[in-house]
PDB file of N, CA and C in Angstrom:
ATOM      1  N   MET A   1      -5.698   5.834  29.145  1.00  0.00           N
ATOM      2  CA  MET A   1      -4.909   5.053  28.240  1.00  0.00           C
ATOM      3  C   MET A   1      -4.999   5.609  26.830  1.00  0.00           C
ATOM      4  N   ASP A   2      -3.907   5.962  26.280  1.00  0.00           N
ATOM      5  CA  ASP A   2      -3.948   6.422  24.854  1.00  0.00           C
ATOM      6  C   ASP A   2      -3.734   5.294  23.886  1.00  0.00           C
ATOM      7  N   VAL A   3      -4.691   5.310  22.909  1.00  0.00           N
ATOM      8  CA  VAL A   3      -4.679   4.192  21.868  1.00  0.00           C
ATOM      9  C   VAL A   3      -4.367   4.908  20.534  1.00  0.00           C
ATOM     10  N   GLU A   4      -3.327   4.452  19.903  1.00  0.00           N
ATOM     11  CA  GLU A   4      -2.970   5.039  18.585  1.00  0.00           C
ATOM     12  C   GLU A   4      -3.803   4.467  17.518  1.00  0.00           C
ATOM     13  N   ILE A   5      -4.557   5.324  16.829  1.00  0.00           N
ATOM     14  CA  ILE A   5      -5.530   4.787  15.749  1.00  0.00           C
ATOM     15  C   ILE A   5      -4.809   5.154  14.397  1.00  0.00           C
ATOM     16  N   GLU A   6      -4.627   4.157  13.587  1.00  0.00           N
ATOM     17  CA  GLU A   6      -3.973   4.357  12.275  1.00  0.00           C
ATOM     18  C   GLU A   6      -4.954   4.976  11.339  1.00  0.00           C
ATOM     19  N   ALA A   7      -4.439   6.014  10.632  1.00  0.00           N
ATOM     20  CA  ALA A   7      -5.242   6.676   9.624  1.00  0.00           C
ATOM     21  C   ALA A   7      -5.640   5.688   8.524  1.00  0.00           C
ATOM     22  N   SER A   8      -6.803   5.862   7.945  1.00  0.00           N
ATOM     23  CA  SER A   8      -7.269   5.064   6.898  1.00  0.00           C
ATOM     24  C   SER A   8      -6.439   5.312   5.592  1.00  0.00           C
ATOM     25  N   PRO A   9      -6.124   4.383   4.773  1.00  0.00           N
ATOM     26  CA  PRO A   9      -5.425   4.568   3.556  1.00  0.00           C
ATOM     27  C   PRO A   9      -6.431   5.047   2.439  1.00  0.00           C
ATOM     28  N   PHE A  10      -7.736   5.154   2.721  1.00  0.00           N
ATOM     29  CA  PHE A  10      -8.696   5.506   1.767  1.00  0.00           C
ATOM     30  C   PHE A  10      -9.237   6.958   2.051  1.00  0.00           C
ATOM     31  N   HIS A  11      -9.481   7.715   1.021  1.00  0.00           N
ATOM     32  CA  HIS A  11     -10.029   9.071   1.211  1.00  0.00           C
ATOM     33  C   HIS A  11     -11.608   8.996   1.427  1.00  0.00           C
ATOM     34  N   GLU A  12     -12.181  10.041   1.801  1.00  0.00           N
ATOM     35  CA  GLU A  12     -13.594  10.170   2.164  1.00  0.00           C
ATOM     36  C   GLU A  12     -14.478   9.562   1.099  1.00  0.00           C
ATOM     37  N   GLY A  13     -14.230   9.881  -0.213  1.00  0.00           N
ATOM     38  CA  GLY A  13     -15.072   9.393  -1.279  1.00  0.00           C
ATOM     39  C   GLY A  13     -15.037   7.826  -1.409  1.00  0.00           C
ATOM     40  N   GLU A  14     -13.783   7.291  -1.293  1.00  0.00           N
ATOM     41  CA  GLU A  14     -13.711   5.896  -1.268  1.00  0.00           C
ATOM     42  C   GLU A  14     -14.360   5.285  -0.114  1.00  0.00           C
ATOM     43  N   GLN A  15     -14.282   5.782   1.068  1.00  0.00           N
ATOM     44  CA  GLN A  15     -14.908   5.275   2.225  1.00  0.00           C
ATOM     45  C   GLN A  15     -16.424   5.308   2.082  1.00  0.00           C
ATOM     46  N   ALA A  16     -16.941   6.351   1.544  1.00  0.00           N
ATOM     47  CA  ALA A  16     -18.403   6.561   1.325  1.00  0.00           C
ATOM     48  C   ALA A  16     -18.941   5.404   0.345  1.00  0.00           C
ATOM     49  N   LEU A  17     -18.247   5.146  -0.660  1.00  0.00           N
ATOM     50  CA  LEU A  17     -18.668   4.142  -1.601  1.00  0.00           C
ATOM     51  C   LEU A  17     -18.560   2.761  -0.988  1.00  0.00           C
ATOM     52  N   GLN A  18     -17.469   2.507  -0.208  1.00  0.00           N
ATOM     53  CA  GLN A  18     -17.296   1.246   0.464  1.00  0.00           C
ATOM     54  C   GLN A  18     -18.500   1.036   1.416  1.00  0.00           C
ATOM     55  N   SER A  19     -18.847   2.100   2.140  1.00  0.00           N
ATOM     56  CA  SER A  19     -19.986   1.994   3.125  1.00  0.00           C
ATOM     57  C   SER A  19     -21.366   1.700   2.355  1.00  0.00           C
ATOM     58  N   GLN A  20     -21.498   2.445   1.226  1.00  0.00           N
ATOM     59  CA  GLN A  20     -22.692   2.282   0.482  1.00  0.00           C
ATOM     60  C   GLN A  20     -22.898   0.882   0.011  1.00  0.00           C
ATOM     61  N   TYR A  21     -21.804   0.103  -0.328  1.00  0.00           N
ATOM     62  CA  TYR A  21     -21.837  -1.176  -0.860  1.00  0.00           C
ATOM     63  C   TYR A  21     -21.656  -2.219   0.270  1.00  0.00           C
ATOM     64  N   GLY A  22     -21.591  -1.858   1.488  1.00  0.00           N
ATOM     65  CA  GLY A  22     -21.414  -2.755   2.652  1.00  0.00           C
ATOM     66  C   GLY A  22     -20.088  -3.498   2.764  1.00  0.00           C
ATOM     67  N   VAL A  23     -19.037  -2.933   2.161  1.00  0.00           N
ATOM     68  CA  VAL A  23     -17.755  -3.586   2.296  1.00  0.00           C
ATOM     69  C   VAL A  23     -16.656  -2.721   2.993  1.00  0.00           C
ATOM     70  N   ARG A  24     -17.147  -1.694   3.680  1.00  0.00           N
ATOM     71  CA  ARG A  24     -16.172  -0.774   4.369  1.00  0.00           C
ATOM     72  C   ARG A  24     -15.178  -1.466   5.285  1.00  0.00           C
ATOM     73  N   ASP A  25     -15.674  -2.234   6.243  1.00  0.00           N
ATOM     74  CA  ASP A  25     -14.833  -2.851   7.217  1.00  0.00           C
ATOM     75  C   ASP A  25     -13.829  -3.838   6.541  1.00  0.00           C
ATOM     76  N   LYS A  26     -14.341  -4.637   5.574  1.00  0.00           N
ATOM     77  CA  LYS A  26     -13.473  -5.680   4.956  1.00  0.00           C
ATOM     78  C   LYS A  26     -12.339  -4.839   4.219  1.00  0.00           C
ATOM     79  N   LEU A  27     -12.697  -3.938   3.470  1.00  0.00           N
ATOM     80  CA  LEU A  27     -11.661  -3.151   2.629  1.00  0.00           C
ATOM     81  C   LEU A  27     -10.719  -2.323   3.496  1.00  0.00           C
ATOM     82  N   GLU A  28     -11.242  -1.825   4.566  1.00  0.00           N
ATOM     83  CA  GLU A  28     -10.314  -1.113   5.500  1.00  0.00           C
ATOM     84  C   GLU A  28      -9.272  -2.011   6.068  1.00  0.00           C
ATOM     85  N   GLN A  29      -9.720  -3.197   6.435  1.00  0.00           N
ATOM     86  CA  GLN A  29      -8.784  -4.243   7.004  1.00  0.00           C
ATOM     87  C   GLN A  29      -7.715  -4.606   5.914  1.00  0.00           C
ATOM     88  N   MET A  30      -8.170  -4.887   4.755  1.00  0.00           N
ATOM     89  CA  MET A  30      -7.282  -5.226   3.632  1.00  0.00           C
ATOM     90  C   MET A  30      -6.321  -4.066   3.363  1.00  0.00           C
ATOM     91  N   GLY A  31      -6.868  -2.842   3.242  1.00  0.00           N
ATOM     92  CA  GLY A  31      -6.054  -1.702   2.852  1.00  0.00           C
ATOM     93  C   GLY A  31      -5.037  -1.393   3.928  1.00  0.00           C
ATOM     94  N   GLN A  32      -5.280  -1.575   5.223  1.00  0.00           N
ATOM     95  CA  GLN A  32      -4.341  -1.309   6.270  1.00  0.00           C
ATOM     96  C   GLN A  32      -3.162  -2.308   6.173  1.00  0.00           C
ATOM     97  N   SER A  33      -3.493  -3.436   5.572  1.00  0.00           N
ATOM     98  CA  SER A  33      -2.360  -4.446   5.453  1.00  0.00           C
ATOM     99  C   SER A  33      -1.441  -4.313   4.334  1.00  0.00           C
ATOM    100  N   PHE A  34      -1.881  -3.621   3.225  1.00  0.00           N
ATOM    101  CA  PHE A  34      -0.967  -3.503   2.098  1.00  0.00           C
ATOM    102  C   PHE A  34      -0.848  -2.172   1.370  1.00  0.00           C
ATOM    103  N   ILE A  35      -1.581  -1.117   1.736  1.00  0.00           N
ATOM    104  CA  ILE A  35      -1.435   0.113   1.221  1.00  0.00           C
ATOM    105  C   ILE A  35      -0.494   0.958   2.106  1.00  0.00           C
ATOM    106  N   ARG A  36       0.581   1.483   1.516  1.00  0.00           N
ATOM    107  CA  ARG A  36       1.540   2.153   2.316  1.00  0.00           C
ATOM    108  C   ARG A  36       1.666   3.653   1.947  1.00  0.00           C
ATOM    109  N   ASP A  37       2.331   4.349   2.791  1.00  0.00           N
ATOM    110  CA  ASP A  37       2.532   5.873   2.439  1.00  0.00           C
ATOM    111  C   ASP A  37       3.864   6.004   1.842  1.00  0.00           C
ATOM    112  N   HIS A  38       4.552   4.969   1.411  1.00  0.00           N
ATOM    113  CA  HIS A  38       5.797   5.015   0.756  1.00  0.00           C
ATOM    114  C   HIS A  38       5.993   3.862  -0.202  1.00  0.00           C
ATOM    115  N   MET A  39       7.071   3.997  -1.007  1.00  0.00           N
ATOM    116  CA  MET A  39       7.391   2.907  -1.971  1.00  0.00           C
ATOM    117  C   MET A  39       8.549   2.114  -1.509  1.00  0.00           C
ATOM    118  N   PRO A  40       8.472   0.794  -1.395  1.00  0.00           N
ATOM    119  CA  PRO A  40       9.619  -0.012  -1.043  1.00  0.00           C
ATOM    120  C   PRO A  40      10.627   0.074  -2.229  1.00  0.00           C
ATOM    121  N   ASP A  41      11.920  -0.103  -1.962  1.00  0.00           N
ATOM    122  CA  ASP A  41      12.904   0.035  -2.977  1.00  0.00           C
ATOM    123  C   ASP A  41      12.660  -0.805  -4.220  1.00  0.00           C
ATOM    124  N   GLN A  42      12.076  -1.985  -3.997  1.00  0.00           N
ATOM    125  CA  GLN A  42      11.800  -2.906  -5.216  1.00  0.00           C
ATOM    126  C   GLN A  42      10.727  -2.251  -6.120  1.00  0.00           C
ATOM    127  N   HIS A  43       9.819  -1.499  -5.541  1.00  0.00           N
ATOM    128  CA  HIS A  43       8.840  -0.787  -6.468  1.00  0.00           C
ATOM    129  C   HIS A  43       9.547   0.397  -7.148  1.00  0.00           C
ATOM    130  N   ARG A  44      10.349   1.121  -6.405  1.00  0.00           N
ATOM    131  CA  ARG A  44      11.032   2.209  -7.004  1.00  0.00           C
ATOM    132  C   ARG A  44      11.927   1.801  -8.158  1.00  0.00           C
ATOM    133  N   GLU A  45      12.685   0.688  -8.004  1.00  0.00           N
ATOM    134  CA  GLU A  45      13.469   0.163  -9.071  1.00  0.00           C
ATOM    135  C   GLU A  45      12.604  -0.338 -10.280  1.00  0.00           C
ATOM    136  N   PHE A  46      11.487  -0.938 -10.029  1.00  0.00           N
ATOM    137  CA  PHE A  46      10.595  -1.427 -10.957  1.00  0.00           C
ATOM    138  C   PHE A  46      10.117  -0.275 -11.850  1.00  0.00           C
ATOM    139  N   TYR A  47       9.581   0.813 -11.253  1.00  0.00           N
ATOM    140  CA  TYR A  47       9.085   1.915 -12.009  1.00  0.00           C
ATOM    141  C   TYR A  47      10.144   2.487 -13.048  1.00  0.00           C
ATOM    142  N   GLU A  48      11.331   2.539 -12.568  1.00  0.00           N
ATOM    143  CA  GLU A  48      12.425   3.075 -13.433  1.00  0.00           C
ATOM    144  C   GLU A  48      12.722   2.181 -14.665  1.00  0.00           C
ATOM    145  N   GLN A  49      12.318   0.915 -14.650  1.00  0.00           N
ATOM    146  CA  GLN A  49      12.476   0.027 -15.785  1.00  0.00           C
ATOM    147  C   GLN A  49      11.415   0.131 -16.806  1.00  0.00           C
ATOM    148  N   LEU A  50      10.307   0.698 -16.461  1.00  0.00           N
ATOM    149  CA  LEU A  50       9.080   0.703 -17.397  1.00  0.00           C
ATOM    150  C   LEU A  50       9.267   1.717 -18.498  1.00  0.00           C
ATOM    151  N   SER A  51       8.662   1.333 -19.625  1.00  0.00           N
ATOM    152  CA  SER A  51       8.583   2.244 -20.764  1.00  0.00           C
ATOM    153  C   SER A  51       7.163   2.829 -21.001  1.00  0.00           C
ATOM    154  N   TYR A  52       6.200   2.480 -20.138  1.00  0.00           N
ATOM    155  CA  TYR A  52       4.907   3.040 -20.258  1.00  0.00           C
ATOM    156  C   TYR A  52       4.241   2.898 -18.804  1.00  0.00           C
ATOM    157  N   ALA A  53       3.158   3.714 -18.646  1.00  0.00           N
ATOM    158  CA  ALA A  53       2.472   3.654 -17.369  1.00  0.00           C
ATOM    159  C   ALA A  53       1.004   4.113 -17.710  1.00  0.00           C
ATOM    160  N   PHE A  54       0.118   3.439 -17.073  1.00  0.00           N
ATOM    161  CA  PHE A  54      -1.298   3.792 -17.211  1.00  0.00           C
ATOM    162  C   PHE A  54      -1.672   4.781 -16.058  1.00  0.00           C
ATOM    163  N   VAL A  55      -2.391   5.794 -16.338  1.00  0.00           N
ATOM    164  CA  VAL A  55      -2.723   6.781 -15.339  1.00  0.00           C
ATOM    165  C   VAL A  55      -4.273   7.171 -15.472  1.00  0.00           C
ATOM    166  N   GLY A  56      -4.830   7.731 -14.435  1.00  0.00           N
ATOM    167  CA  GLY A  56      -6.169   8.096 -14.489  1.00  0.00           C
ATOM    168  C   GLY A  56      -6.287   9.585 -14.315  1.00  0.00           C
ATOM    169  N   SER A  57      -7.332  10.225 -14.892  1.00  0.00           N
ATOM    170  CA  SER A  57      -7.585  11.600 -14.804  1.00  0.00           C
ATOM    171  C   SER A  57      -9.074  11.879 -14.836  1.00  0.00           C
ATOM    172  N   ILE A  58      -9.413  13.032 -14.578  1.00  0.00           N
ATOM    173  CA  ILE A  58     -10.856  13.562 -14.613  1.00  0.00           C
ATOM    174  C   ILE A  58     -10.901  14.710 -15.633  1.00  0.00           C
ATOM    175  N   ASP A  59     -11.832  14.655 -16.594  1.00  0.00           N
ATOM    176  CA  ASP A  59     -11.899  15.748 -17.518  1.00  0.00           C
ATOM    177  C   ASP A  59     -12.705  16.957 -16.855  1.00  0.00           C
ATOM    178  N   ALA A  60     -12.913  17.953 -17.654  1.00  0.00           N
ATOM    179  CA  ALA A  60     -13.556  19.229 -17.248  1.00  0.00           C
ATOM    180  C   ALA A  60     -15.025  19.023 -16.700  1.00  0.00           C
ATOM    181  N   LEU A  61     -15.588  17.914 -17.268  1.00  0.00           N
ATOM    182  CA  LEU A  61     -16.975  17.575 -16.924  1.00  0.00           C
ATOM    183  C   LEU A  61     -17.061  16.579 -15.790  1.00  0.00           C
ATOM    184  N   GLY A  62     -15.923  16.265 -15.201  1.00  0.00           N
ATOM    185  CA  GLY A  62     -15.837  15.338 -14.089  1.00  0.00           C
ATOM    186  C   GLY A  62     -15.901  13.828 -14.418  1.00  0.00           C
ATOM    187  N   ARG A  63     -15.641  13.552 -15.748  1.00  0.00           N
ATOM    188  CA  ARG A  63     -15.719  12.140 -16.179  1.00  0.00           C
ATOM    189  C   ARG A  63     -14.258  11.522 -16.016  1.00  0.00           C
ATOM    190  N   PRO A  64     -14.210  10.370 -15.540  1.00  0.00           N
ATOM    191  CA  PRO A  64     -12.884   9.666 -15.431  1.00  0.00           C
ATOM    192  C   PRO A  64     -12.387   9.145 -16.834  1.00  0.00           C
ATOM    193  N   TRP A  65     -11.095   9.156 -16.934  1.00  0.00           N
ATOM    194  CA  TRP A  65     -10.443   8.718 -18.183  1.00  0.00           C
ATOM    195  C   TRP A  65      -9.178   7.965 -17.823  1.00  0.00           C
ATOM    196  N   ALA A  66      -8.827   6.970 -18.657  1.00  0.00           N
ATOM    197  CA  ALA A  66      -7.583   6.224 -18.488  1.00  0.00           C
ATOM    198  C   ALA A  66      -6.692   6.712 -19.630  1.00  0.00           C
ATOM    199  N   SER A  67      -5.416   6.909 -19.363  1.00  0.00           N
ATOM    200  CA  SER A  67      -4.422   7.380 -20.384  1.00  0.00           C
ATOM    201  C   SER A  67      -3.138   6.492 -20.244  1.00  0.00           C
ATOM    202  N   VAL A  68      -2.346   6.563 -21.277  1.00  0.00           N
ATOM    203  CA  VAL A  68      -1.066   5.899 -21.167  1.00  0.00           C
ATOM    204  C   VAL A  68       0.019   6.938 -21.323  1.00  0.00           C
ATOM    205  N   LEU A  69       1.046   6.855 -20.580  1.00  0.00           N
ATOM    206  CA  LEU A  69       2.256   7.634 -20.632  1.00  0.00           C
ATOM    207  C   LEU A  69       3.298   6.787 -21.248  1.00  0.00           C
ATOM    208  N   LEU A  70       4.119   7.251 -22.258  1.00  0.00           N
ATOM    209  CA  LEU A  70       5.129   6.565 -22.871  1.00  0.00           C
ATOM    210  C   LEU A  70       6.457   7.221 -22.689  1.00  0.00           C
ATOM    211  N   GLY A  71       7.517   6.435 -22.716  1.00  0.00           N
ATOM    212  CA  GLY A  71       8.882   6.954 -22.592  1.00  0.00           C
ATOM    213  C   GLY A  71       9.835   5.858 -22.630  1.00  0.00           C
ATOM    214  N   GLN A  72      11.166   6.219 -22.705  1.00  0.00           N
ATOM    215  CA  GLN A  72      12.204   5.253 -22.604  1.00  0.00           C
ATOM    216  C   GLN A  72      12.283   4.793 -21.102  1.00  0.00           C
ATOM    217  N   PRO A  73      12.754   3.561 -20.883  1.00  0.00           N
ATOM    218  CA  PRO A  73      13.002   3.188 -19.480  1.00  0.00           C
ATOM    219  C   PRO A  73      13.783   4.235 -18.724  1.00  0.00           C
ATOM    220  N   GLY A  74      13.309   4.645 -17.525  1.00  0.00           N
ATOM    221  CA  GLY A  74      13.942   5.743 -16.822  1.00  0.00           C
ATOM    222  C   GLY A  74      13.201   7.016 -16.962  1.00  0.00           C
ATOM    223  N   PHE A  75      11.998   7.004 -17.703  1.00  0.00           N
ATOM    224  CA  PHE A  75      11.235   8.234 -17.803  1.00  0.00           C
ATOM    225  C   PHE A  75      10.455   8.458 -16.417  1.00  0.00           C
ATOM    226  N   MET A  76      10.437   7.410 -15.617  1.00  0.00           N
ATOM    227  CA  MET A  76       9.942   7.577 -14.179  1.00  0.00           C
ATOM    228  C   MET A  76      11.077   7.400 -13.275  1.00  0.00           C
ATOM    229  N   GLN A  77      11.262   8.288 -12.308  1.00  0.00           N
ATOM    230  CA  GLN A  77      12.417   8.198 -11.378  1.00  0.00           C
ATOM    231  C   GLN A  77      11.742   8.363  -9.978  1.00  0.00           C
ATOM    232  N   SER A  78      12.409   7.607  -9.008  1.00  0.00           N
ATOM    233  CA  SER A  78      11.937   7.822  -7.661  1.00  0.00           C
ATOM    234  C   SER A  78      13.149   8.229  -6.750  1.00  0.00           C
ATOM    235  N   PRO A  79      13.285   9.556  -6.615  1.00  0.00           N
ATOM    236  CA  PRO A  79      14.411  10.153  -5.868  1.00  0.00           C
ATOM    237  C   PRO A  79      14.357   9.750  -4.362  1.00  0.00           C
ATOM    238  N   ASP A  80      13.264   9.507  -3.908  1.00  0.00           N
ATOM    239  CA  ASP A  80      13.054   8.940  -2.431  1.00  0.00           C
ATOM    240  C   ASP A  80      11.838   8.096  -2.403  1.00  0.00           C
ATOM    241  N   GLU A  81      11.581   7.513  -1.222  1.00  0.00           N
ATOM    242  CA  GLU A  81      10.557   6.489  -1.113  1.00  0.00           C
ATOM    243  C   GLU A  81       9.140   7.159  -1.154  1.00  0.00           C
ATOM    244  N   PHE A  82       9.007   8.488  -1.110  1.00  0.00           N
ATOM    245  CA  PHE A  82       7.730   9.217  -1.103  1.00  0.00           C
ATOM    246  C   PHE A  82       7.493   9.892  -2.474  1.00  0.00           C
ATOM    247  N   SER A  83       8.360   9.832  -3.404  1.00  0.00           N
ATOM    248  CA  SER A  83       8.272  10.660  -4.659  1.00  0.00           C
ATOM    249  C   SER A  83       8.423   9.690  -5.860  1.00  0.00           C
ATOM    250  N   LEU A  84       7.696  10.134  -6.921  1.00  0.00           N
ATOM    251  CA  LEU A  84       7.824   9.470  -8.248  1.00  0.00           C
ATOM    252  C   LEU A  84       7.748  10.599  -9.237  1.00  0.00           C
ATOM    253  N   THR A  85       8.817  10.815  -9.964  1.00  0.00           N
ATOM    254  CA  THR A  85       8.868  11.893 -10.936  1.00  0.00           C
ATOM    255  C   THR A  85       8.629  11.293 -12.313  1.00  0.00           C
ATOM    256  N   VAL A  86       7.648  11.823 -13.091  1.00  0.00           N
ATOM    257  CA  VAL A  86       7.382  11.280 -14.471  1.00  0.00           C
ATOM    258  C   VAL A  86       7.730  12.341 -15.490  1.00  0.00           C
ATOM    259  N   ASN A  87       8.607  11.995 -16.491  1.00  0.00           N
ATOM    260  CA  ASN A  87       8.995  12.924 -17.489  1.00  0.00           C
ATOM    261  C   ASN A  87       8.538  12.240 -18.821  1.00  0.00           C
ATOM    262  N   ALA A  88       7.291  12.543 -19.166  1.00  0.00           N
ATOM    263  CA  ALA A  88       6.694  11.975 -20.390  1.00  0.00           C
ATOM    264  C   ALA A  88       5.767  13.043 -21.082  1.00  0.00           C
ATOM    265  N   SER A  89       5.672  12.900 -22.335  1.00  0.00           N
ATOM    266  CA  SER A  89       4.743  13.801 -23.114  1.00  0.00           C
ATOM    267  C   SER A  89       3.413  13.175 -23.110  1.00  0.00           C
ATOM    268  N   ARG A  90       2.393  14.066 -23.059  1.00  0.00           N
ATOM    269  CA  ARG A  90       1.001  13.561 -23.070  1.00  0.00           C
ATOM    270  C   ARG A  90       0.608  13.590 -24.529  1.00  0.00           C
ATOM    271  N   VAL A  91      -0.269  12.635 -24.922  1.00  0.00           N
ATOM    272  CA  VAL A  91      -0.686  12.436 -26.285  1.00  0.00           C
ATOM    273  C   VAL A  91      -1.850  13.630 -26.547  1.00  0.00           C
ATOM    274  N   ALA A  92      -1.601  14.206 -27.686  1.00  0.00           N
ATOM    275  CA  ALA A  92      -2.600  15.331 -28.138  1.00  0.00           C
ATOM    276  C   ALA A  92      -4.034  14.656 -28.250  1.00  0.00           C
ATOM    277  N   GLY A  93      -4.982  15.311 -27.716  1.00  0.00           N
ATOM    278  CA  GLY A  93      -6.371  14.859 -27.765  1.00  0.00           C
ATOM    279  C   GLY A  93      -6.779  14.010 -26.570  1.00  0.00           C
ATOM    280  N   ASP A  94      -5.801  13.500 -25.794  1.00  0.00           N
ATOM    281  CA  ASP A  94      -6.144  12.734 -24.567  1.00  0.00           C
ATOM    282  C   ASP A  94      -6.551  13.797 -23.513  1.00  0.00           C
ATOM    283  N   PRO A  95      -7.645  13.520 -22.806  1.00  0.00           N
ATOM    284  CA  PRO A  95      -8.082  14.478 -21.778  1.00  0.00           C
ATOM    285  C   PRO A  95      -6.990  14.808 -20.797  1.00  0.00           C
ATOM    286  N   LEU A  96      -6.024  13.905 -20.566  1.00  0.00           N
ATOM    287  CA  LEU A  96      -4.863  14.195 -19.681  1.00  0.00           C
ATOM    288  C   LEU A  96      -4.107  15.432 -20.209  1.00  0.00           C
ATOM    289  N   SER A  97      -4.022  15.579 -21.545  1.00  0.00           N
ATOM    290  CA  SER A  97      -3.243  16.754 -22.124  1.00  0.00           C
ATOM    291  C   SER A  97      -3.917  18.008 -21.767  1.00  0.00           C
ATOM    292  N   LEU A  98      -5.124  18.081 -21.363  1.00  0.00           N
ATOM    293  CA  LEU A  98      -5.815  19.303 -20.978  1.00  0.00           C
ATOM    294  C   LEU A  98      -5.652  19.668 -19.566  1.00  0.00           C
ATOM    295  N   ILE A  99      -5.059  18.865 -18.757  1.00  0.00           N
ATOM    296  CA  ILE A  99      -4.859  19.090 -17.341  1.00  0.00           C
ATOM    297  C   ILE A  99      -3.487  19.812 -17.082  1.00  0.00           C
ATOM    298  N   HIS A 100      -3.580  20.880 -16.335  1.00  0.00           N
ATOM    299  CA  HIS A 100      -2.345  21.554 -16.019  1.00  0.00           C
ATOM    300  C   HIS A 100      -1.618  20.901 -14.811  1.00  0.00           C
ATOM    301  N   ILE A 101      -0.511  20.271 -15.000  1.00  0.00           N
ATOM    302  CA  ILE A 101       0.133  19.568 -13.910  1.00  0.00           C
ATOM    303  C   ILE A 101       1.330  20.405 -13.340  1.00  0.00           C
TER     304      ILE A 101
END
């Protein structure tokens, strides 16, 4: 009998931390119910209305940083349910500006 096993929505690092803190099974169950591999139309339309977005990055020393991207509504576009295109300038001095995208 073949049983289809759904892939986890969490990467190995997330799974390791979840296991370390004893919440792996609970978070896997929650993640399977609401983390998708695509964006519903309502999300795609929402992103196109925004004038800013918060993003995360890692600097050259491996430290996490939060940044903000600014633009006119429409600076983010979703040409299909799997893609989000961002057309924004990065702020000078922000660790995100040092990352080649």
